[in-house]
Amino acid sequence: MTTSTYTMPRHFPRLLLSLAAFVAAAGAQAGTPIDKRAAVDPDGSVEVGNTAGSVKVTGWDRNEVQVTGELGDGTERLDFATDGKVTRIKVILPNRSYNVEDTDLVISMPAASRLSVNTVSADIAVTGVTGAQRLVAVSGDVRTEAGAQDVECRTVSGDVHVAGSAKKGLLTINTVSGDATALKVAGEVNANTVSGNVTLGMGETSRSRVRSTSGDLTLALLLGPDGKIDAESISGDVRLDFVGPVNAEFDVSSFNGEIRNCFGPKPVSASEYAPGKDLRFREGQGSGWVRIKTMNGDISVCRR
């Protein structure tokens, strides 16, 4: 009976050393601190991309973009590039990114610059930015401030929170199942949701359009001269509270819900032989226009 003896290949120790070096290099990337900055045009734009974690953006009075934070485990790198007018900040993941940890980005930028942020599950938080904003997330929450410039917020399942400054601007909100809340906004608001609830607290409103499928719509506003409000839901309830004087033509209807009016006439049946309630009247000079429609939801119209 013979006994065979295994002989280690001569190159095997070098292979182990190379593997150990590779593992050490990969591990060194985990938790890598970020500290990048560049001088930029204050009238330029900043574009940010992140997958998971968070993006926190603050506007400041310097003509400079600064990025700090920490790269998540498994992240390949952070791309940071600028030509002075456009600054791009993007978290780059490896091709096989199954076990990538969250990356948290903390960004300071000129307050008046334009901002665009795109994430998947990363939350977005913006403060002190007065330039136009476009903030998009899939499952992350979006929280920002609105002023006189256009602000657009889009999510699928994340919630949206907007704090206004009572300055007139254009605010656009789109969600699928996420709730949306915007307070102290003014000017024009366009909000759309499928199953999320929308709550708006508005100053002087010139033109606004709000839509939902099954989510509830709650609006409190001051209707400006010649202002127009259009709110519609299929199975959600709609509540509209006016602050201050109201001068508008009203067209309110619900196919299978109740209508409650705190001022003006009471609703009437749309048909003798079919369900449905209608409420049409003029309040004040009637220079504005208010349209509210639901299929199965209830409607409440009141004045504070």
C-alpha atoms as a PDB file:
ATOM      1  CA  MET A   1       0.000   0.000   0.000  1.00  0.00           C
ATOM      2  CA  THR A   2       1.472   3.298  -1.001  1.00  0.00           C
ATOM      3  CA  THR A   3       0.786   6.673   0.641  1.00  0.00           C
ATOM      4  CA  SER A   4       0.570   9.758  -1.569  1.00  0.00           C
ATOM      5  CA  THR A   5       1.956  13.020  -0.278  1.00  0.00           C
ATOM      6  CA  TYR A   6       0.382  16.388  -1.333  1.00  0.00           C
ATOM      7  CA  THR A   7       2.938  18.981  -2.299  1.00  0.00           C
ATOM      8  CA  MET A   8       1.897  22.651  -2.110  1.00  0.00           C
ATOM      9  CA  PRO A   9       2.506  24.490  -5.370  1.00  0.00           C
ATOM     10  CA  ARG A  10       5.402  26.914  -5.137  1.00  0.00           C
ATOM     11  CA  HIS A  11       3.193  29.853  -6.184  1.00  0.00           C
ATOM     12  CA  PHE A  12       0.506  29.147  -3.532  1.00  0.00           C
ATOM     13  CA  PRO A  13       1.962  31.438  -0.804  1.00  0.00           C
ATOM     14  CA  ARG A  14       2.047  34.301  -3.289  1.00  0.00           C
ATOM     15  CA  LEU A  15      -1.582  33.561  -4.172  1.00  0.00           C
ATOM     16  CA  LEU A  16      -2.560  33.755  -0.501  1.00  0.00           C
ATOM     17  CA  LEU A  17      -0.722  37.042  -0.101  1.00  0.00           C
ATOM     18  CA  SER A  18      -2.471  38.483  -3.187  1.00  0.00           C
ATOM     19  CA  LEU A  19      -5.866  37.338  -1.915  1.00  0.00           C
ATOM     20  CA  ALA A  20      -5.192  38.852   1.507  1.00  0.00           C
ATOM     21  CA  ALA A  21      -4.192  42.142  -0.117  1.00  0.00           C
ATOM     22  CA  PHE A  22      -7.375  42.149  -2.224  1.00  0.00           C
ATOM     23  CA  VAL A  23      -9.565  41.537   0.828  1.00  0.00           C
ATOM     24  CA  ALA A  24      -7.761  44.247   2.766  1.00  0.00           C
ATOM     25  CA  ALA A  25      -8.203  46.732  -0.076  1.00  0.00           C
ATOM     26  CA  ALA A  26     -11.907  45.930  -0.375  1.00  0.00           C
ATOM     27  CA  GLY A  27     -12.364  46.276   3.361  1.00  0.00           C
ATOM     28  CA  ALA A  28     -10.532  49.582   3.367  1.00  0.00           C
ATOM     29  CA  GLN A  29     -13.250  51.035   1.137  1.00  0.00           C
ATOM     30  CA  ALA A  30     -15.874  50.360   3.779  1.00  0.00           C
ATOM     31  CA  GLY A  31     -16.658  53.493   5.747  1.00  0.00           C
ATOM     32  CA  THR A  32     -14.274  55.611   3.680  1.00  0.00           C
ATOM     33  CA  PRO A  33     -14.746  59.251   4.688  1.00  0.00           C
ATOM     34  CA  ILE A  34     -15.619  61.759   1.966  1.00  0.00           C
ATOM     35  CA  ASP A  35     -14.098  65.233   1.821  1.00  0.00           C
ATOM     36  CA  LYS A  36     -14.238  66.950  -1.561  1.00  0.00           C
ATOM     37  CA  ARG A  37     -14.746  70.563  -2.579  1.00  0.00           C
ATOM     38  CA  ALA A  38     -14.494  72.852  -5.591  1.00  0.00           C
ATOM     39  CA  ALA A  39     -15.085  76.486  -6.510  1.00  0.00           C
ATOM     40  CA  VAL A  40     -18.231  76.933  -8.654  1.00  0.00           C
ATOM     41  CA  ASP A  41     -20.435  79.552 -10.279  1.00  0.00           C
ATOM     42  CA  PRO A  42     -23.177  80.532  -7.797  1.00  0.00           C
ATOM     43  CA  ASP A  43     -25.661  80.590 -10.705  1.00  0.00           C
ATOM     44  CA  GLY A  44     -24.756  77.058 -11.759  1.00  0.00           C
ATOM     45  CA  SER A  45     -26.332  73.704 -10.949  1.00  0.00           C
ATOM     46  CA  VAL A  46     -25.597  70.691  -8.759  1.00  0.00           C
ATOM     47  CA  GLU A  47     -26.621  67.150  -9.757  1.00  0.00           C
ATOM     48  CA  VAL A  48     -26.560  64.346  -7.185  1.00  0.00           C
ATOM     49  CA  GLY A  49     -27.084  60.595  -7.525  1.00  0.00           C
ATOM     50  CA  ASN A  50     -27.179  58.029  -4.703  1.00  0.00           C
ATOM     51  CA  THR A  51     -28.764  54.613  -4.345  1.00  0.00           C
ATOM     52  CA  ALA A  52     -29.158  53.849  -0.637  1.00  0.00           C
ATOM     53  CA  GLY A  53     -28.530  55.899   2.487  1.00  0.00           C
ATOM     54  CA  SER A  54     -29.194  59.625   2.560  1.00  0.00           C
ATOM     55  CA  VAL A  55     -28.542  62.902   0.791  1.00  0.00           C
ATOM     56  CA  LYS A  56     -28.513  66.051   2.921  1.00  0.00           C
ATOM     57  CA  VAL A  57     -28.086  69.344   1.079  1.00  0.00           C
ATOM     58  CA  THR A  58     -27.641  72.785   2.631  1.00  0.00           C
ATOM     59  CA  GLY A  59     -27.465  76.100   0.826  1.00  0.00           C
ATOM     60  CA  TRP A  60     -24.762  78.546   1.935  1.00  0.00           C
ATOM     61  CA  ASP A  61     -23.270  81.886   0.860  1.00  0.00           C
ATOM     62  CA  ARG A  62     -19.977  80.533  -0.503  1.00  0.00           C
ATOM     63  CA  ASN A  63     -19.213  80.057  -4.222  1.00  0.00           C
ATOM     64  CA  GLU A  64     -18.154  76.519  -3.481  1.00  0.00           C
ATOM     65  CA  VAL A  65     -19.559  72.978  -3.376  1.00  0.00           C
ATOM     66  CA  GLN A  66     -18.418  70.751  -0.531  1.00  0.00           C
ATOM     67  CA  VAL A  67     -19.175  67.052  -0.096  1.00  0.00           C
ATOM     68  CA  THR A  68     -18.577  65.157   3.126  1.00  0.00           C
ATOM     69  CA  GLY A  69     -20.001  61.981   4.585  1.00  0.00           C
ATOM     70  CA  GLU A  70     -19.059  58.321   4.335  1.00  0.00           C
ATOM     71  CA  LEU A  71     -19.067  55.735   1.554  1.00  0.00           C
ATOM     72  CA  GLY A  72     -20.935  52.545   2.363  1.00  0.00           C
ATOM     73  CA  ASP A  73     -19.352  49.102   2.482  1.00  0.00           C
ATOM     74  CA  GLY A  74     -19.087  47.651  -1.021  1.00  0.00           C
ATOM     75  CA  THR A  75     -19.277  51.026  -2.785  1.00  0.00           C
ATOM     76  CA  GLU A  76     -16.840  51.375  -5.661  1.00  0.00           C
ATOM     77  CA  ARG A  77     -16.208  55.128  -5.487  1.00  0.00           C
ATOM     78  CA  LEU A  78     -17.679  58.633  -5.453  1.00  0.00           C
ATOM     79  CA  ASP A  79     -17.518  60.604  -8.689  1.00  0.00           C
ATOM     80  CA  PHE A  80     -17.115  64.343  -8.129  1.00  0.00           C
ATOM     81  CA  ALA A  81     -16.631  66.585 -11.148  1.00  0.00           C
ATOM     82  CA  THR A  82     -17.346  70.206 -12.070  1.00  0.00           C
ATOM     83  CA  ASP A  83     -16.701  72.616 -14.896  1.00  0.00           C
ATOM     84  CA  GLY A  84     -17.691  75.533 -12.679  1.00  0.00           C
ATOM     85  CA  LYS A  85     -21.226  75.714 -14.059  1.00  0.00           C
ATOM     86  CA  VAL A  86     -22.392  72.121 -13.517  1.00  0.00           C
ATOM     87  CA  THR A  87     -21.248  70.000 -10.583  1.00  0.00           C
ATOM     88  CA  ARG A  88     -21.941  66.262 -10.639  1.00  0.00           C
ATOM     89  CA  ILE A  89     -21.819  64.095  -7.533  1.00  0.00           C
ATOM     90  CA  LYS A  90     -22.592  60.394  -7.952  1.00  0.00           C
ATOM     91  CA  VAL A  91     -22.114  57.261  -5.886  1.00  0.00           C
ATOM     92  CA  ILE A  92     -20.770  54.499  -8.141  1.00  0.00           C
ATOM     93  CA  LEU A  93     -21.586  50.879  -7.284  1.00  0.00           C
ATOM     94  CA  PRO A  94     -19.860  47.747  -8.614  1.00  0.00           C
ATOM     95  CA  ASN A  95     -21.616  45.726 -11.297  1.00  0.00           C
ATOM     96  CA  ARG A  96     -22.641  43.103  -8.745  1.00  0.00           C
ATOM     97  CA  SER A  97     -23.909  45.293  -5.925  1.00  0.00           C
ATOM     98  CA  TYR A  98     -25.770  42.775  -3.767  1.00  0.00           C
ATOM     99  CA  ASN A  99     -24.317  43.656  -0.367  1.00  0.00           C
ATOM    100  CA  VAL A 100     -23.721  47.382  -0.565  1.00  0.00           C
ATOM    101  CA  GLU A 101     -24.174  49.381   2.624  1.00  0.00           C
ATOM    102  CA  ASP A 102     -25.749  52.843   2.813  1.00  0.00           C
ATOM    103  CA  THR A 103     -23.790  55.876   1.695  1.00  0.00           C
ATOM    104  CA  ASP A 104     -24.531  59.158   3.461  1.00  0.00           C
ATOM    105  CA  LEU A 105     -23.764  62.338   1.539  1.00  0.00           C
ATOM    106  CA  VAL A 106     -23.640  65.762   3.190  1.00  0.00           C
ATOM    107  CA  ILE A 107     -23.485  68.541   0.601  1.00  0.00           C
ATOM    108  CA  SER A 108     -23.128  72.294   0.921  1.00  0.00           C
ATOM    109  CA  MET A 109     -23.759  74.391  -2.195  1.00  0.00           C
ATOM    110  CA  PRO A 110     -24.430  78.012  -3.227  1.00  0.00           C
ATOM    111  CA  ALA A 111     -27.965  78.765  -2.068  1.00  0.00           C
ATOM    112  CA  ALA A 112     -29.185  80.193  -5.398  1.00  0.00           C
ATOM    113  CA  SER A 113     -27.862  77.347  -7.558  1.00  0.00           C
ATOM    114  CA  ARG A 114     -30.201  74.807  -9.151  1.00  0.00           C
ATOM    115  CA  LEU A 115     -30.376  71.392  -7.528  1.00  0.00           C
ATOM    116  CA  SER A 116     -31.232  67.966  -8.939  1.00  0.00           C
ATOM    117  CA  VAL A 117     -31.170  64.821  -6.766  1.00  0.00           C
ATOM    118  CA  ASN A 118     -31.997  61.260  -7.840  1.00  0.00           C
ATOM    119  CA  THR A 119     -32.038  58.327  -5.404  1.00  0.00           C
ATOM    120  CA  VAL A 120     -33.515  54.852  -5.065  1.00  0.00           C
ATOM    121  CA  SER A 121     -33.966  54.150  -1.352  1.00  0.00           C
ATOM    122  CA  ALA A 122     -31.946  57.071  -0.039  1.00  0.00           C
ATOM    123  CA  ASP A 123     -33.790  59.827   1.838  1.00  0.00           C
ATOM    124  CA  ILE A 124     -33.418  63.400   0.584  1.00  0.00           C
ATOM    125  CA  ALA A 125     -33.332  66.445   2.894  1.00  0.00           C
ATOM    126  CA  VAL A 126     -32.772  69.993   1.594  1.00  0.00           C
ATOM    127  CA  THR A 127     -32.530  73.231   3.587  1.00  0.00           C
ATOM    128  CA  GLY A 128     -31.532  76.758   2.646  1.00  0.00           C
ATOM    129  CA  VAL A 129     -31.564  76.217  -1.145  1.00  0.00           C
ATOM    130  CA  THR A 130     -33.425  79.045  -2.911  1.00  0.00           C
ATOM    131  CA  GLY A 131     -32.768  77.937  -6.495  1.00  0.00           C
ATOM    132  CA  ALA A 132     -34.998  75.604  -8.485  1.00  0.00           C
ATOM    133  CA  GLN A 133     -35.104  72.003  -7.255  1.00  0.00           C
ATOM    134  CA  ARG A 134     -35.936  68.612  -8.765  1.00  0.00           C
ATOM    135  CA  LEU A 135     -35.913  65.848  -6.153  1.00  0.00           C
ATOM    136  CA  VAL A 136     -36.682  62.258  -7.178  1.00  0.00           C
ATOM    137  CA  ALA A 137     -36.702  59.098  -5.025  1.00  0.00           C
ATOM    138  CA  VAL A 138     -38.225  55.629  -5.345  1.00  0.00           C
ATOM    139  CA  SER A 139     -38.715  54.514  -1.745  1.00  0.00           C
ATOM    140  CA  GLY A 140     -36.867  57.297   0.029  1.00  0.00           C
ATOM    141  CA  ASP A 141     -38.579  60.227   1.753  1.00  0.00           C
ATOM    142  CA  VAL A 142     -38.181  63.759   0.395  1.00  0.00           C
ATOM    143  CA  ARG A 143     -38.077  66.782   2.681  1.00  0.00           C
ATOM    144  CA  THR A 144     -37.361  70.284   1.388  1.00  0.00           C
ATOM    145  CA  GLU A 145     -38.180  73.991   1.531  1.00  0.00           C
ATOM    146  CA  ALA A 146     -39.934  76.003  -1.167  1.00  0.00           C
ATOM    147  CA  GLY A 147     -39.541  79.649  -2.076  1.00  0.00           C
ATOM    148  CA  ALA A 148     -40.104  81.669  -5.235  1.00  0.00           C
ATOM    149  CA  GLN A 149     -38.358  79.186  -7.568  1.00  0.00           C
ATOM    150  CA  ASP A 150     -39.866  76.000  -9.016  1.00  0.00           C
ATOM    151  CA  VAL A 151     -39.745  72.904  -6.818  1.00  0.00           C
ATOM    152  CA  GLU A 152     -40.545  69.403  -8.067  1.00  0.00           C
ATOM    153  CA  CYS A 153     -40.743  66.347  -5.772  1.00  0.00           C
ATOM    154  CA  ARG A 154     -41.397  62.804  -7.038  1.00  0.00           C
ATOM    155  CA  THR A 155     -41.542  59.511  -5.136  1.00  0.00           C
ATOM    156  CA  VAL A 156     -43.102  56.080  -5.495  1.00  0.00           C
ATOM    157  CA  SER A 157     -43.560  54.901  -1.896  1.00  0.00           C
ATOM    158  CA  GLY A 158     -41.687  57.637  -0.058  1.00  0.00           C
ATOM    159  CA  ASP A 159     -43.385  60.544   1.707  1.00  0.00           C
ATOM    160  CA  VAL A 160     -42.941  64.192   0.691  1.00  0.00           C
ATOM    161  CA  HIS A 161     -42.726  67.105   3.137  1.00  0.00           C
ATOM    162  CA  VAL A 162     -42.411  70.685   1.873  1.00  0.00           C
ATOM    163  CA  ALA A 163     -42.081  73.751   4.093  1.00  0.00           C
ATOM    164  CA  GLY A 164     -42.851  76.971   2.258  1.00  0.00           C
ATOM    165  CA  SER A 165     -41.998  80.597   2.950  1.00  0.00           C
ATOM    166  CA  ALA A 166     -45.324  82.102   1.742  1.00  0.00           C
ATOM    167  CA  LYS A 167     -43.524  83.265  -1.433  1.00  0.00           C
ATOM    168  CA  LYS A 168     -45.331  82.565  -4.681  1.00  0.00           C
ATOM    169  CA  GLY A 169     -43.811  79.830  -6.810  1.00  0.00           C
ATOM    170  CA  LEU A 170     -44.607  76.599  -8.610  1.00  0.00           C
ATOM    171  CA  LEU A 171     -44.654  73.387  -6.577  1.00  0.00           C
ATOM    172  CA  THR A 172     -45.124  70.000  -8.273  1.00  0.00           C
ATOM    173  CA  ILE A 173     -45.607  66.816  -6.235  1.00  0.00           C
ATOM    174  CA  ASN A 174     -46.104  63.294  -7.566  1.00  0.00           C
ATOM    175  CA  THR A 175     -46.354  60.128  -5.452  1.00  0.00           C
ATOM    176  CA  VAL A 176     -47.800  56.651  -5.884  1.00  0.00           C
ATOM    177  CA  SER A 177     -48.389  55.401  -2.333  1.00  0.00           C
ATOM    178  CA  GLY A 178     -46.488  58.049  -0.398  1.00  0.00           C
ATOM    179  CA  ASP A 179     -48.212  60.835   1.530  1.00  0.00           C
ATOM    180  CA  ALA A 180     -47.508  64.467   0.631  1.00  0.00           C
ATOM    181  CA  THR A 181     -47.645  67.472   2.963  1.00  0.00           C
ATOM    182  CA  ALA A 182     -46.882  71.055   1.920  1.00  0.00           C
ATOM    183  CA  LEU A 183     -47.410  73.960   4.328  1.00  0.00           C
ATOM    184  CA  LYS A 184     -47.001  77.736   3.899  1.00  0.00           C
ATOM    185  CA  VAL A 185     -46.700  77.424   0.126  1.00  0.00           C
ATOM    186  CA  ALA A 186     -48.215  79.968  -2.276  1.00  0.00           C
ATOM    187  CA  GLY A 187     -48.763  80.557  -5.957  1.00  0.00           C
ATOM    188  CA  GLU A 188     -49.401  77.331  -7.873  1.00  0.00           C
ATOM    189  CA  VAL A 189     -49.413  73.730  -6.666  1.00  0.00           C
ATOM    190  CA  ASN A 190     -49.865  70.665  -8.862  1.00  0.00           C
ATOM    191  CA  ALA A 191     -50.118  67.444  -6.839  1.00  0.00           C
ATOM    192  CA  ASN A 192     -50.902  63.914  -7.999  1.00  0.00           C
ATOM    193  CA  THR A 193     -51.079  60.666  -6.005  1.00  0.00           C
ATOM    194  CA  VAL A 194     -52.559  57.211  -6.391  1.00  0.00           C
ATOM    195  CA  SER A 195     -53.157  55.946  -2.846  1.00  0.00           C
ATOM    196  CA  GLY A 196     -51.314  58.523  -0.770  1.00  0.00           C
ATOM    197  CA  ASN A 197     -52.948  61.386   1.111  1.00  0.00           C
ATOM    198  CA  VAL A 198     -52.245  65.002   0.142  1.00  0.00           C
ATOM    199  CA  THR A 199     -52.373  67.839   2.687  1.00  0.00           C
ATOM    200  CA  LEU A 200     -51.811  71.420   1.528  1.00  0.00           C
ATOM    201  CA  GLY A 201     -51.688  74.575   3.623  1.00  0.00           C
ATOM    202  CA  MET A 202     -51.486  77.424   1.137  1.00  0.00           C
ATOM    203  CA  GLY A 203     -51.206  81.171   1.212  1.00  0.00           C
ATOM    204  CA  GLU A 204     -52.542  83.178  -1.723  1.00  0.00           C
ATOM    205  CA  THR A 205     -53.277  80.703  -4.501  1.00  0.00           C
ATOM    206  CA  SER A 206     -53.428  81.641  -8.163  1.00  0.00           C
ATOM    207  CA  ARG A 207     -53.933  78.234  -9.759  1.00  0.00           C
ATOM    208  CA  SER A 208     -53.711  74.724  -8.326  1.00  0.00           C
ATOM    209  CA  ARG A 209     -54.636  71.231  -9.475  1.00  0.00           C
ATOM    210  CA  VAL A 210     -54.780  68.233  -7.111  1.00  0.00           C
ATOM    211  CA  ARG A 211     -55.581  64.634  -8.093  1.00  0.00           C
ATOM    212  CA  SER A 212     -55.824  61.271  -6.305  1.00  0.00           C
ATOM    213  CA  THR A 213     -57.207  57.812  -6.958  1.00  0.00           C
ATOM    214  CA  SER A 214     -57.926  56.519  -3.460  1.00  0.00           C
ATOM    215  CA  GLY A 215     -56.050  59.015  -1.293  1.00  0.00           C
ATOM    216  CA  ASP A 216     -57.721  61.832   0.652  1.00  0.00           C
ATOM    217  CA  LEU A 217     -57.173  65.484  -0.308  1.00  0.00           C
ATOM    218  CA  THR A 218     -57.106  68.158   2.408  1.00  0.00           C
ATOM    219  CA  LEU A 219     -56.604  71.778   1.349  1.00  0.00           C
ATOM    220  CA  ALA A 220     -56.624  75.038   3.302  1.00  0.00           C
ATOM    221  CA  LEU A 221     -55.966  78.151   1.228  1.00  0.00           C
ATOM    222  CA  LEU A 222     -56.491  81.821   0.462  1.00  0.00           C
ATOM    223  CA  LEU A 223     -57.959  82.082  -3.023  1.00  0.00           C
ATOM    224  CA  GLY A 224     -56.287  84.922  -4.887  1.00  0.00           C
ATOM    225  CA  PRO A 225     -58.018  87.236  -7.383  1.00  0.00           C
ATOM    226  CA  ASP A 226     -59.119  85.161 -10.388  1.00  0.00           C
ATOM    227  CA  GLY A 227     -57.692  82.108  -8.634  1.00  0.00           C
ATOM    228  CA  LYS A 228     -58.541  78.610  -9.856  1.00  0.00           C
ATOM    229  CA  ILE A 229     -58.726  75.383  -7.843  1.00  0.00           C
ATOM    230  CA  ASP A 230     -59.320  71.972  -9.415  1.00  0.00           C
ATOM    231  CA  ALA A 231     -59.475  68.963  -7.035  1.00  0.00           C
ATOM    232  CA  GLU A 232     -60.524  65.462  -8.047  1.00  0.00           C
ATOM    233  CA  SER A 233     -60.505  62.014  -6.436  1.00  0.00           C
ATOM    234  CA  ILE A 234     -62.076  58.683  -7.361  1.00  0.00           C
ATOM    235  CA  SER A 235     -62.624  57.081  -3.958  1.00  0.00           C
ATOM    236  CA  GLY A 236     -60.876  59.492  -1.613  1.00  0.00           C
ATOM    237  CA  ASP A 237     -62.492  62.284   0.391  1.00  0.00           C
ATOM    238  CA  VAL A 238     -61.883  65.959  -0.415  1.00  0.00           C
ATOM    239  CA  ARG A 239     -61.891  68.726   2.206  1.00  0.00           C
ATOM    240  CA  LEU A 240     -61.429  72.341   1.139  1.00  0.00           C
ATOM    241  CA  ASP A 241     -61.209  75.137   3.715  1.00  0.00           C
ATOM    242  CA  PHE A 242     -61.022  78.765   2.570  1.00  0.00           C
ATOM    243  CA  VAL A 243     -59.213  81.429   4.564  1.00  0.00           C
ATOM    244  CA  GLY A 244     -60.379  84.989   4.018  1.00  0.00           C
ATOM    245  CA  PRO A 245     -62.874  86.270   1.443  1.00  0.00           C
ATOM    246  CA  VAL A 246     -64.064  84.004  -1.350  1.00  0.00           C
ATOM    247  CA  ASN A 247     -64.982  85.258  -4.818  1.00  0.00           C
ATOM    248  CA  ALA A 248     -65.553  82.317  -7.107  1.00  0.00           C
ATOM    249  CA  GLU A 249     -67.879  80.199  -9.171  1.00  0.00           C
ATOM    250  CA  PHE A 250     -68.308  76.739  -7.606  1.00  0.00           C
ATOM    251  CA  ASP A 251     -68.819  73.467  -9.486  1.00  0.00           C
ATOM    252  CA  VAL A 252     -68.906  70.578  -6.986  1.00  0.00           C
ATOM    253  CA  SER A 253     -70.141  67.035  -7.646  1.00  0.00           C
ATOM    254  CA  SER A 254     -69.953  63.542  -6.179  1.00  0.00           C
ATOM    255  CA  PHE A 255     -71.403  60.466  -7.869  1.00  0.00           C
ATOM    256  CA  ASN A 256     -71.756  58.312  -4.774  1.00  0.00           C
ATOM    257  CA  GLY A 257     -70.618  60.491  -1.874  1.00  0.00           C
ATOM    258  CA  GLU A 258     -71.957  63.236   0.359  1.00  0.00           C
ATOM    259  CA  ILE A 259     -71.377  66.976  -0.100  1.00  0.00           C
ATOM    260  CA  ARG A 260     -71.211  69.265   2.914  1.00  0.00           C
ATOM    261  CA  ASN A 261     -71.177  73.026   2.345  1.00  0.00           C
ATOM    262  CA  CYS A 262     -70.608  75.369   5.276  1.00  0.00           C
ATOM    263  CA  PHE A 263     -71.679  78.470   3.324  1.00  0.00           C
ATOM    264  CA  GLY A 264     -73.933  79.088   0.350  1.00  0.00           C
ATOM    265  CA  PRO A 265     -76.655  76.723  -0.852  1.00  0.00           C
ATOM    266  CA  LYS A 266     -77.053  73.028  -0.140  1.00  0.00           C
ATOM    267  CA  PRO A 267     -76.287  70.338  -2.733  1.00  0.00           C
ATOM    268  CA  VAL A 268     -79.075  68.873  -4.842  1.00  0.00           C
ATOM    269  CA  SER A 269     -79.574  65.469  -6.442  1.00  0.00           C
ATOM    270  CA  ALA A 270     -77.979  65.210  -9.855  1.00  0.00           C
ATOM    271  CA  SER A 271     -80.806  63.041 -11.165  1.00  0.00           C
ATOM    272  CA  GLU A 272     -84.170  61.801  -9.999  1.00  0.00           C
ATOM    273  CA  TYR A 273     -83.316  58.245 -11.026  1.00  0.00           C
ATOM    274  CA  ALA A 274     -79.587  57.985 -10.332  1.00  0.00           C
ATOM    275  CA  PRO A 275     -77.238  58.664  -7.415  1.00  0.00           C
ATOM    276  CA  GLY A 276     -75.111  61.756  -7.294  1.00  0.00           C
ATOM    277  CA  LYS A 277     -75.063  65.215  -5.758  1.00  0.00           C
ATOM    278  CA  ASP A 278     -74.286  68.557  -7.389  1.00  0.00           C
ATOM    279  CA  LEU A 279     -73.471  71.943  -5.896  1.00  0.00           C
ATOM    280  CA  ARG A 280     -73.202  74.939  -8.202  1.00  0.00           C
ATOM    281  CA  PHE A 281     -73.253  78.539  -6.978  1.00  0.00           C
ATOM    282  CA  ARG A 282     -71.441  81.875  -7.009  1.00  0.00           C
ATOM    283  CA  GLU A 283     -69.808  83.392  -3.958  1.00  0.00           C
ATOM    284  CA  GLY A 284     -68.931  87.094  -3.924  1.00  0.00           C
ATOM    285  CA  GLN A 285     -68.023  88.565  -7.290  1.00  0.00           C
ATOM    286  CA  GLY A 286     -67.347  85.119  -8.732  1.00  0.00           C
ATOM    287  CA  SER A 287     -64.058  86.122 -10.365  1.00  0.00           C
ATOM    288  CA  GLY A 288     -62.359  82.841  -9.379  1.00  0.00           C
ATOM    289  CA  TRP A 289     -63.244  79.244 -10.154  1.00  0.00           C
ATOM    290  CA  VAL A 290     -63.462  76.182  -7.908  1.00  0.00           C
ATOM    291  CA  ARG A 291     -64.086  72.678  -9.216  1.00  0.00           C
ATOM    292  CA  ILE A 292     -64.274  69.609  -6.955  1.00  0.00           C
ATOM    293  CA  LYS A 293     -65.253  66.169  -8.158  1.00  0.00           C
ATOM    294  CA  THR A 294     -65.304  62.657  -6.643  1.00  0.00           C
ATOM    295  CA  MET A 295     -66.806  59.332  -7.603  1.00  0.00           C
ATOM    296  CA  ASN A 296     -67.201  57.604  -4.221  1.00  0.00           C
ATOM    297  CA  GLY A 297     -65.630  60.084  -1.820  1.00  0.00           C
ATOM    298  CA  ASP A 298     -67.263  62.706   0.372  1.00  0.00           C
ATOM    299  CA  ILE A 299     -66.687  66.448  -0.143  1.00  0.00           C
ATOM    300  CA  SER A 300     -66.529  69.197   2.466  1.00  0.00           C
ATOM    301  CA  VAL A 301     -66.350  72.910   1.581  1.00  0.00           C
ATOM    302  CA  CYS A 302     -65.977  75.381   4.447  1.00  0.00           C
ATOM    303  CA  ARG A 303     -64.669  78.865   5.236  1.00  0.00           C
ATOM    304  CA  ARG A 304     -62.656  79.725   8.315  1.00  0.00           C
END
